[in-house]
Amino acid sequence: MYDQRTNDEIDQAFRQAERRVEILIVGQLYVIDFENMEQYRLNDTQRRRRIKYDLISAPKKGVAGLKLDPQR
């Protein structure tokens, strides 16, 4: 899960059937690759993380790399 602004930008690109989108996350430029459902830094393409497109109501571990408080 991403912050709301980033999430909206990714969602818009996905709905417009773009193959990928570049976004700024915590001062780093990332690529969200919809074809391979991966996220990676633009300057480090070797380290990739799988992503999934999910409902906003789905359970989450955290937002933008920060763990959520499990007692919430």
PDB file of N, CA and C in Angstrom:
ATOM      1  N   MET A   1       0.846  -1.179   0.000  1.00  0.00           N
ATOM      2  CA  MET A   1       0.000   0.000   0.000  1.00  0.00           C
ATOM      3  C   MET A   1       0.888   1.238   0.000  1.00  0.00           C
ATOM      4  N   TYR A   2       0.437   2.260  -0.661  1.00  0.00           N
ATOM      5  CA  TYR A   2       1.162   3.514  -0.791  1.00  0.00           C
ATOM      6  C   TYR A   2       0.342   4.624  -0.146  1.00  0.00           C
ATOM      7  N   ASP A   3       0.957   5.796  -0.011  1.00  0.00           N
ATOM      8  CA  ASP A   3       0.178   6.930   0.480  1.00  0.00           C
ATOM      9  C   ASP A   3      -0.903   7.258  -0.557  1.00  0.00           C
ATOM     10  N   GLN A   4      -1.904   8.019  -0.158  1.00  0.00           N
ATOM     11  CA  GLN A   4      -3.081   8.240  -1.006  1.00  0.00           C
ATOM     12  C   GLN A   4      -2.734   8.877  -2.348  1.00  0.00           C
ATOM     13  N   ARG A   5      -1.863   9.887  -2.361  1.00  0.00           N
ATOM     14  CA  ARG A   5      -1.492  10.545  -3.617  1.00  0.00           C
ATOM     15  C   ARG A   5      -0.824   9.554  -4.566  1.00  0.00           C
ATOM     16  N   THR A   6       0.127   8.779  -4.055  1.00  0.00           N
ATOM     17  CA  THR A   6       0.829   7.795  -4.874  1.00  0.00           C
ATOM     18  C   THR A   6      -0.126   6.714  -5.340  1.00  0.00           C
ATOM     19  N   ASN A   7      -0.979   6.260  -4.452  1.00  0.00           N
ATOM     20  CA  ASN A   7      -1.963   5.238  -4.796  1.00  0.00           C
ATOM     21  C   ASN A   7      -2.872   5.714  -5.932  1.00  0.00           C
ATOM     22  N   ASP A   8      -3.312   6.964  -5.863  1.00  0.00           N
ATOM     23  CA  ASP A   8      -4.170   7.526  -6.917  1.00  0.00           C
ATOM     24  C   ASP A   8      -3.432   7.569  -8.254  1.00  0.00           C
ATOM     25  N   GLU A   9      -2.151   7.956  -8.222  1.00  0.00           N
ATOM     26  CA  GLU A   9      -1.349   8.039  -9.443  1.00  0.00           C
ATOM     27  C   GLU A   9      -1.164   6.649 -10.063  1.00  0.00           C
ATOM     28  N   ILE A  10      -0.881   5.648  -9.228  1.00  0.00           N
ATOM     29  CA  ILE A  10      -0.717   4.274  -9.712  1.00  0.00           C
ATOM     30  C   ILE A  10      -2.032   3.751 -10.262  1.00  0.00           C
ATOM     31  N   ASP A  11      -3.114   3.977  -9.538  1.00  0.00           N
ATOM     32  CA  ASP A  11      -4.433   3.511  -9.954  1.00  0.00           C
ATOM     33  C   ASP A  11      -4.829   4.104 -11.305  1.00  0.00           C
ATOM     34  N   GLN A  12      -4.580   5.391 -11.487  1.00  0.00           N
ATOM     35  CA  GLN A  12      -4.912   6.041 -12.748  1.00  0.00           C
ATOM     36  C   GLN A  12      -4.126   5.415 -13.902  1.00  0.00           C
ATOM     37  N   ALA A  13      -2.841   5.186 -13.705  1.00  0.00           N
ATOM     38  CA  ALA A  13      -2.017   4.579 -14.752  1.00  0.00           C
ATOM     39  C   ALA A  13      -2.499   3.165 -15.069  1.00  0.00           C
ATOM     40  N   PHE A  14      -2.833   2.409 -14.032  1.00  0.00           N
ATOM     41  CA  PHE A  14      -3.317   1.036 -14.220  1.00  0.00           C
ATOM     42  C   PHE A  14      -4.621   1.034 -15.009  1.00  0.00           C
ATOM     43  N   ARG A  15      -5.546   1.905 -14.637  1.00  0.00           N
ATOM     44  CA  ARG A  15      -6.851   1.961 -15.314  1.00  0.00           C
ATOM     45  C   ARG A  15      -6.736   2.442 -16.764  1.00  0.00           C
ATOM     46  N   GLN A  16      -5.693   3.208 -17.066  1.00  0.00           N
ATOM     47  CA  GLN A  16      -5.477   3.666 -18.435  1.00  0.00           C
ATOM     48  C   GLN A  16      -4.651   2.658 -19.241  1.00  0.00           C
ATOM     49  N   ALA A  17      -4.440   1.479 -18.651  1.00  0.00           N
ATOM     50  CA  ALA A  17      -3.731   0.369 -19.309  1.00  0.00           C
ATOM     51  C   ALA A  17      -2.299   0.725 -19.699  1.00  0.00           C
ATOM     52  N   GLU A  18      -1.661   1.580 -18.908  1.00  0.00           N
ATOM     53  CA  GLU A  18      -0.247   1.868 -19.147  1.00  0.00           C
ATOM     54  C   GLU A  18       0.568   0.646 -18.757  1.00  0.00           C
ATOM     55  N   ARG A  19       1.691   0.432 -19.424  1.00  0.00           N
ATOM     56  CA  ARG A  19       2.540  -0.713 -19.133  1.00  0.00           C
ATOM     57  C   ARG A  19       3.322  -0.517 -17.841  1.00  0.00           C
ATOM     58  N   ARG A  20       3.654   0.741 -17.545  1.00  0.00           N
ATOM     59  CA  ARG A  20       4.416   1.050 -16.340  1.00  0.00           C
ATOM     60  C   ARG A  20       4.244   2.515 -15.995  1.00  0.00           C
ATOM     61  N   VAL A  21       4.586   2.859 -14.753  1.00  0.00           N
ATOM     62  CA  VAL A  21       4.526   4.242 -14.317  1.00  0.00           C
ATOM     63  C   VAL A  21       5.733   4.495 -13.421  1.00  0.00           C
ATOM     64  N   GLU A  22       6.306   5.676 -13.518  1.00  0.00           N
ATOM     65  CA  GLU A  22       7.413   6.081 -12.650  1.00  0.00           C
ATOM     66  C   GLU A  22       6.854   7.004 -11.579  1.00  0.00           C
ATOM     67  N   ILE A  23       7.192   6.708 -10.326  1.00  0.00           N
ATOM     68  CA  ILE A  23       6.690   7.509  -9.212  1.00  0.00           C
ATOM     69  C   ILE A  23       7.820   7.801  -8.229  1.00  0.00           C
ATOM     70  N   LEU A  24       7.664   8.893  -7.508  1.00  0.00           N
ATOM     71  CA  LEU A  24       8.636   9.282  -6.499  1.00  0.00           C
ATOM     72  C   LEU A  24       8.136   8.818  -5.144  1.00  0.00           C
ATOM     73  N   ILE A  25       8.919   7.958  -4.465  1.00  0.00           N
ATOM     74  CA  ILE A  25       8.579   7.444  -3.144  1.00  0.00           C
ATOM     75  C   ILE A  25       9.760   7.724  -2.222  1.00  0.00           C
ATOM     76  N   VAL A  26       9.526   8.508  -1.198  1.00  0.00           N
ATOM     77  CA  VAL A  26      10.538   8.851  -0.192  1.00  0.00           C
ATOM     78  C   VAL A  26      11.847   9.287  -0.861  1.00  0.00           C
ATOM     79  N   GLY A  27      11.740  10.163  -1.841  1.00  0.00           N
ATOM     80  CA  GLY A  27      12.922  10.733  -2.496  1.00  0.00           C
ATOM     81  C   GLY A  27      13.594   9.827  -3.518  1.00  0.00           C
ATOM     82  N   GLN A  28      13.038   8.660  -3.775  1.00  0.00           N
ATOM     83  CA  GLN A  28      13.601   7.724  -4.750  1.00  0.00           C
ATOM     84  C   GLN A  28      12.616   7.540  -5.893  1.00  0.00           C
ATOM     85  N   LEU A  29      13.137   7.470  -7.109  1.00  0.00           N
ATOM     86  CA  LEU A  29      12.291   7.239  -8.274  1.00  0.00           C
ATOM     87  C   LEU A  29      12.116   5.737  -8.478  1.00  0.00           C
ATOM     88  N   TYR A  30      10.869   5.287  -8.457  1.00  0.00           N
ATOM     89  CA  TYR A  30      10.533   3.876  -8.616  1.00  0.00           C
ATOM     90  C   TYR A  30       9.739   3.669  -9.895  1.00  0.00           C
ATOM     91  N   VAL A  31       9.841   2.456 -10.421  1.00  0.00           N
ATOM     92  CA  VAL A  31       9.049   2.027 -11.563  1.00  0.00           C
ATOM     93  C   VAL A  31       8.045   1.002 -11.056  1.00  0.00           C
ATOM     94  N   ILE A  32       6.789   1.213 -11.382  1.00  0.00           N
ATOM     95  CA  ILE A  32       5.759   0.221 -11.140  1.00  0.00           C
ATOM     96  C   ILE A  32       5.484  -0.412 -12.503  1.00  0.00           C
ATOM     97  N   ASP A  33       5.864  -1.665 -12.645  1.00  0.00           N
ATOM     98  CA  ASP A  33       5.756  -2.402 -13.906  1.00  0.00           C
ATOM     99  C   ASP A  33       4.495  -3.265 -13.836  1.00  0.00           C
ATOM    100  N   PHE A  34       3.454  -2.862 -14.555  1.00  0.00           N
ATOM    101  CA  PHE A  34       2.188  -3.575 -14.515  1.00  0.00           C
ATOM    102  C   PHE A  34       2.228  -4.889 -15.290  1.00  0.00           C
ATOM    103  N   GLU A  35       3.066  -4.974 -16.317  1.00  0.00           N
ATOM    104  CA  GLU A  35       3.166  -6.210 -17.094  1.00  0.00           C
ATOM    105  C   GLU A  35       3.692  -7.361 -16.243  1.00  0.00           C
ATOM    106  N   ASN A  36       4.707  -7.074 -15.423  1.00  0.00           N
ATOM    107  CA  ASN A  36       5.319  -8.100 -14.581  1.00  0.00           C
ATOM    108  C   ASN A  36       4.892  -8.009 -13.121  1.00  0.00           C
ATOM    109  N   MET A  37       4.027  -7.009 -12.812  1.00  0.00           N
ATOM    110  CA  MET A  37       3.552  -6.774 -11.446  1.00  0.00           C
ATOM    111  C   MET A  37       4.725  -6.717 -10.468  1.00  0.00           C
ATOM    112  N   GLU A  38       5.668  -5.803 -10.774  1.00  0.00           N
ATOM    113  CA  GLU A  38       6.855  -5.595  -9.967  1.00  0.00           C
ATOM    114  C   GLU A  38       7.084  -4.111  -9.720  1.00  0.00           C
ATOM    115  N   GLN A  39       7.807  -3.848  -8.648  1.00  0.00           N
ATOM    116  CA  GLN A  39       8.248  -2.492  -8.327  1.00  0.00           C
ATOM    117  C   GLN A  39       9.762  -2.543  -8.150  1.00  0.00           C
ATOM    118  N   TYR A  40      10.460  -1.540  -8.691  1.00  0.00           N
ATOM    119  CA  TYR A  40      11.907  -1.462  -8.502  1.00  0.00           C
ATOM    120  C   TYR A  40      12.365  -0.023  -8.631  1.00  0.00           C
ATOM    121  N   ARG A  41      13.528   0.252  -8.041  1.00  0.00           N
ATOM    122  CA  ARG A  41      14.110   1.586  -8.180  1.00  0.00           C
ATOM    123  C   ARG A  41      14.619   1.757  -9.592  1.00  0.00           C
ATOM    124  N   LEU A  42      14.444   2.932 -10.120  1.00  0.00           N
ATOM    125  CA  LEU A  42      14.885   3.211 -11.477  1.00  0.00           C
ATOM    126  C   LEU A  42      16.393   3.017 -11.618  1.00  0.00           C
ATOM    127  N   ASN A  43      17.151   3.339 -10.571  1.00  0.00           N
ATOM    128  CA  ASN A  43      18.610   3.223 -10.641  1.00  0.00           C
ATOM    129  C   ASN A  43      19.125   1.884 -10.114  1.00  0.00           C
ATOM    130  N   ASP A  44      18.244   0.940  -9.762  1.00  0.00           N
ATOM    131  CA  ASP A  44      18.657  -0.379  -9.275  1.00  0.00           C
ATOM    132  C   ASP A  44      17.630  -1.408  -9.737  1.00  0.00           C
ATOM    133  N   THR A  45      17.751  -1.827 -10.978  1.00  0.00           N
ATOM    134  CA  THR A  45      16.751  -2.719 -11.563  1.00  0.00           C
ATOM    135  C   THR A  45      16.929  -4.171 -11.126  1.00  0.00           C
ATOM    136  N   GLN A  46      18.001  -4.494 -10.408  1.00  0.00           N
ATOM    137  CA  GLN A  46      18.234  -5.871  -9.961  1.00  0.00           C
ATOM    138  C   GLN A  46      17.363  -6.237  -8.762  1.00  0.00           C
ATOM    139  N   ARG A  47      17.070  -5.278  -7.911  1.00  0.00           N
ATOM    140  CA  ARG A  47      16.254  -5.526  -6.721  1.00  0.00           C
ATOM    141  C   ARG A  47      14.799  -5.220  -7.057  1.00  0.00           C
ATOM    142  N   ARG A  48      14.016  -6.251  -7.183  1.00  0.00           N
ATOM    143  CA  ARG A  48      12.615  -6.098  -7.572  1.00  0.00           C
ATOM    144  C   ARG A  48      11.714  -6.684  -6.496  1.00  0.00           C
ATOM    145  N   ARG A  49      10.542  -6.098  -6.379  1.00  0.00           N
ATOM    146  CA  ARG A  49       9.566  -6.562  -5.398  1.00  0.00           C
ATOM    147  C   ARG A  49       8.246  -6.801  -6.114  1.00  0.00           C
ATOM    148  N   ARG A  50       7.632  -7.936  -5.827  1.00  0.00           N
ATOM    149  CA  ARG A  50       6.334  -8.247  -6.412  1.00  0.00           C
ATOM    150  C   ARG A  50       5.283  -7.298  -5.843  1.00  0.00           C
ATOM    151  N   ILE A  51       4.334  -6.922  -6.671  1.00  0.00           N
ATOM    152  CA  ILE A  51       3.218  -6.087  -6.236  1.00  0.00           C
ATOM    153  C   ILE A  51       1.923  -6.784  -6.623  1.00  0.00           C
ATOM    154  N   LYS A  52       0.836  -6.342  -6.017  1.00  0.00           N
ATOM    155  CA  LYS A  52      -0.471  -6.841  -6.430  1.00  0.00           C
ATOM    156  C   LYS A  52      -1.444  -5.684  -6.424  1.00  0.00           C
ATOM    157  N   TYR A  53      -2.436  -5.800  -7.259  1.00  0.00           N
ATOM    158  CA  TYR A  53      -3.494  -4.795  -7.344  1.00  0.00           C
ATOM    159  C   TYR A  53      -4.635  -5.312  -6.495  1.00  0.00           C
ATOM    160  N   ASP A  54      -4.961  -4.598  -5.439  1.00  0.00           N
ATOM    161  CA  ASP A  54      -5.927  -5.093  -4.473  1.00  0.00           C
ATOM    162  C   ASP A  54      -6.937  -4.016  -4.121  1.00  0.00           C
ATOM    163  N   LEU A  55      -8.021  -4.427  -3.508  1.00  0.00           N
ATOM    164  CA  LEU A  55      -9.025  -3.479  -3.030  1.00  0.00           C
ATOM    165  C   LEU A  55      -8.484  -2.679  -1.853  1.00  0.00           C
ATOM    166  N   ILE A  56      -8.929  -1.457  -1.708  1.00  0.00           N
ATOM    167  CA  ILE A  56      -8.507  -0.598  -0.607  1.00  0.00           C
ATOM    168  C   ILE A  56      -8.889  -1.205   0.736  1.00  0.00           C
ATOM    169  N   SER A  57      -9.926  -2.030   0.752  1.00  0.00           N
ATOM    170  CA  SER A  57     -10.397  -2.631   1.996  1.00  0.00           C
ATOM    171  C   SER A  57      -9.643  -3.908   2.368  1.00  0.00           C
ATOM    172  N   ALA A  58      -8.721  -4.375   1.536  1.00  0.00           N
ATOM    173  CA  ALA A  58      -7.974  -5.598   1.826  1.00  0.00           C
ATOM    174  C   ALA A  58      -7.049  -5.395   3.032  1.00  0.00           C
ATOM    175  N   PRO A  59      -6.755  -6.456   3.787  1.00  0.00           N
ATOM    176  CA  PRO A  59      -5.845  -6.332   4.937  1.00  0.00           C
ATOM    177  C   PRO A  59      -4.465  -5.858   4.496  1.00  0.00           C
ATOM    178  N   LYS A  60      -3.812  -5.066   5.344  1.00  0.00           N
ATOM    179  CA  LYS A  60      -2.516  -4.475   5.008  1.00  0.00           C
ATOM    180  C   LYS A  60      -1.515  -4.698   6.134  1.00  0.00           C
ATOM    181  N   LYS A  61      -0.235  -4.794   5.765  1.00  0.00           N
ATOM    182  CA  LYS A  61       0.835  -4.886   6.751  1.00  0.00           C
ATOM    183  C   LYS A  61       1.356  -3.503   7.102  1.00  0.00           C
ATOM    184  N   GLY A  62       1.306  -2.578   6.138  1.00  0.00           N
ATOM    185  CA  GLY A  62       1.846  -1.250   6.372  1.00  0.00           C
ATOM    186  C   GLY A  62       1.603  -0.341   5.189  1.00  0.00           C
ATOM    187  N   VAL A  63       2.133   0.882   5.287  1.00  0.00           N
ATOM    188  CA  VAL A  63       1.994   1.873   4.232  1.00  0.00           C
ATOM    189  C   VAL A  63       3.377   2.413   3.905  1.00  0.00           C
ATOM    190  N   ALA A  64       3.755   2.369   2.634  1.00  0.00           N
ATOM    191  CA  ALA A  64       5.025   2.921   2.147  1.00  0.00           C
ATOM    192  C   ALA A  64       6.213   2.423   2.963  1.00  0.00           C
ATOM    193  N   GLY A  65       6.215   1.134   3.284  1.00  0.00           N
ATOM    194  CA  GLY A  65       7.337   0.546   3.996  1.00  0.00           C
ATOM    195  C   GLY A  65       7.271   0.672   5.509  1.00  0.00           C
ATOM    196  N   LEU A  66       6.269   1.351   6.035  1.00  0.00           N
ATOM    197  CA  LEU A  66       6.120   1.516   7.484  1.00  0.00           C
ATOM    198  C   LEU A  66       5.050   0.555   7.987  1.00  0.00           C
ATOM    199  N   LYS A  67       5.378  -0.236   8.993  1.00  0.00           N
ATOM    200  CA  LYS A  67       4.420  -1.198   9.528  1.00  0.00           C
ATOM    201  C   LYS A  67       3.290  -0.475  10.248  1.00  0.00           C
ATOM    202  N   LEU A  68       2.073  -0.976  10.057  1.00  0.00           N
ATOM    203  CA  LEU A  68       0.921  -0.440  10.760  1.00  0.00           C
ATOM    204  C   LEU A  68       0.877  -0.991  12.171  1.00  0.00           C
ATOM    205  N   ASP A  69       0.310  -0.234  13.084  1.00  0.00           N
ATOM    206  CA  ASP A  69       0.115  -0.676  14.452  1.00  0.00           C
ATOM    207  C   ASP A  69      -0.927  -1.786  14.454  1.00  0.00           C
ATOM    208  N   PRO A  70      -0.566  -3.030  14.864  1.00  0.00           N
ATOM    209  CA  PRO A  70      -1.513  -4.136  14.791  1.00  0.00           C
ATOM    210  C   PRO A  70      -2.711  -3.985  15.727  1.00  0.00           C
ATOM    211  N   GLN A  71      -2.652  -3.082  16.695  1.00  0.00           N
ATOM    212  CA  GLN A  71      -3.749  -2.894  17.642  1.00  0.00           C
ATOM    213  C   GLN A  71      -4.806  -1.934  17.124  1.00  0.00           C
ATOM    214  N   ARG A  72      -4.609  -1.353  15.951  1.00  0.00           N
ATOM    215  CA  ARG A  72      -5.594  -0.442  15.361  1.00  0.00           C
ATOM    216  C   ARG A  72      -6.687  -1.198  14.679  1.00  0.00           C
TER     217      ARG A  72
END
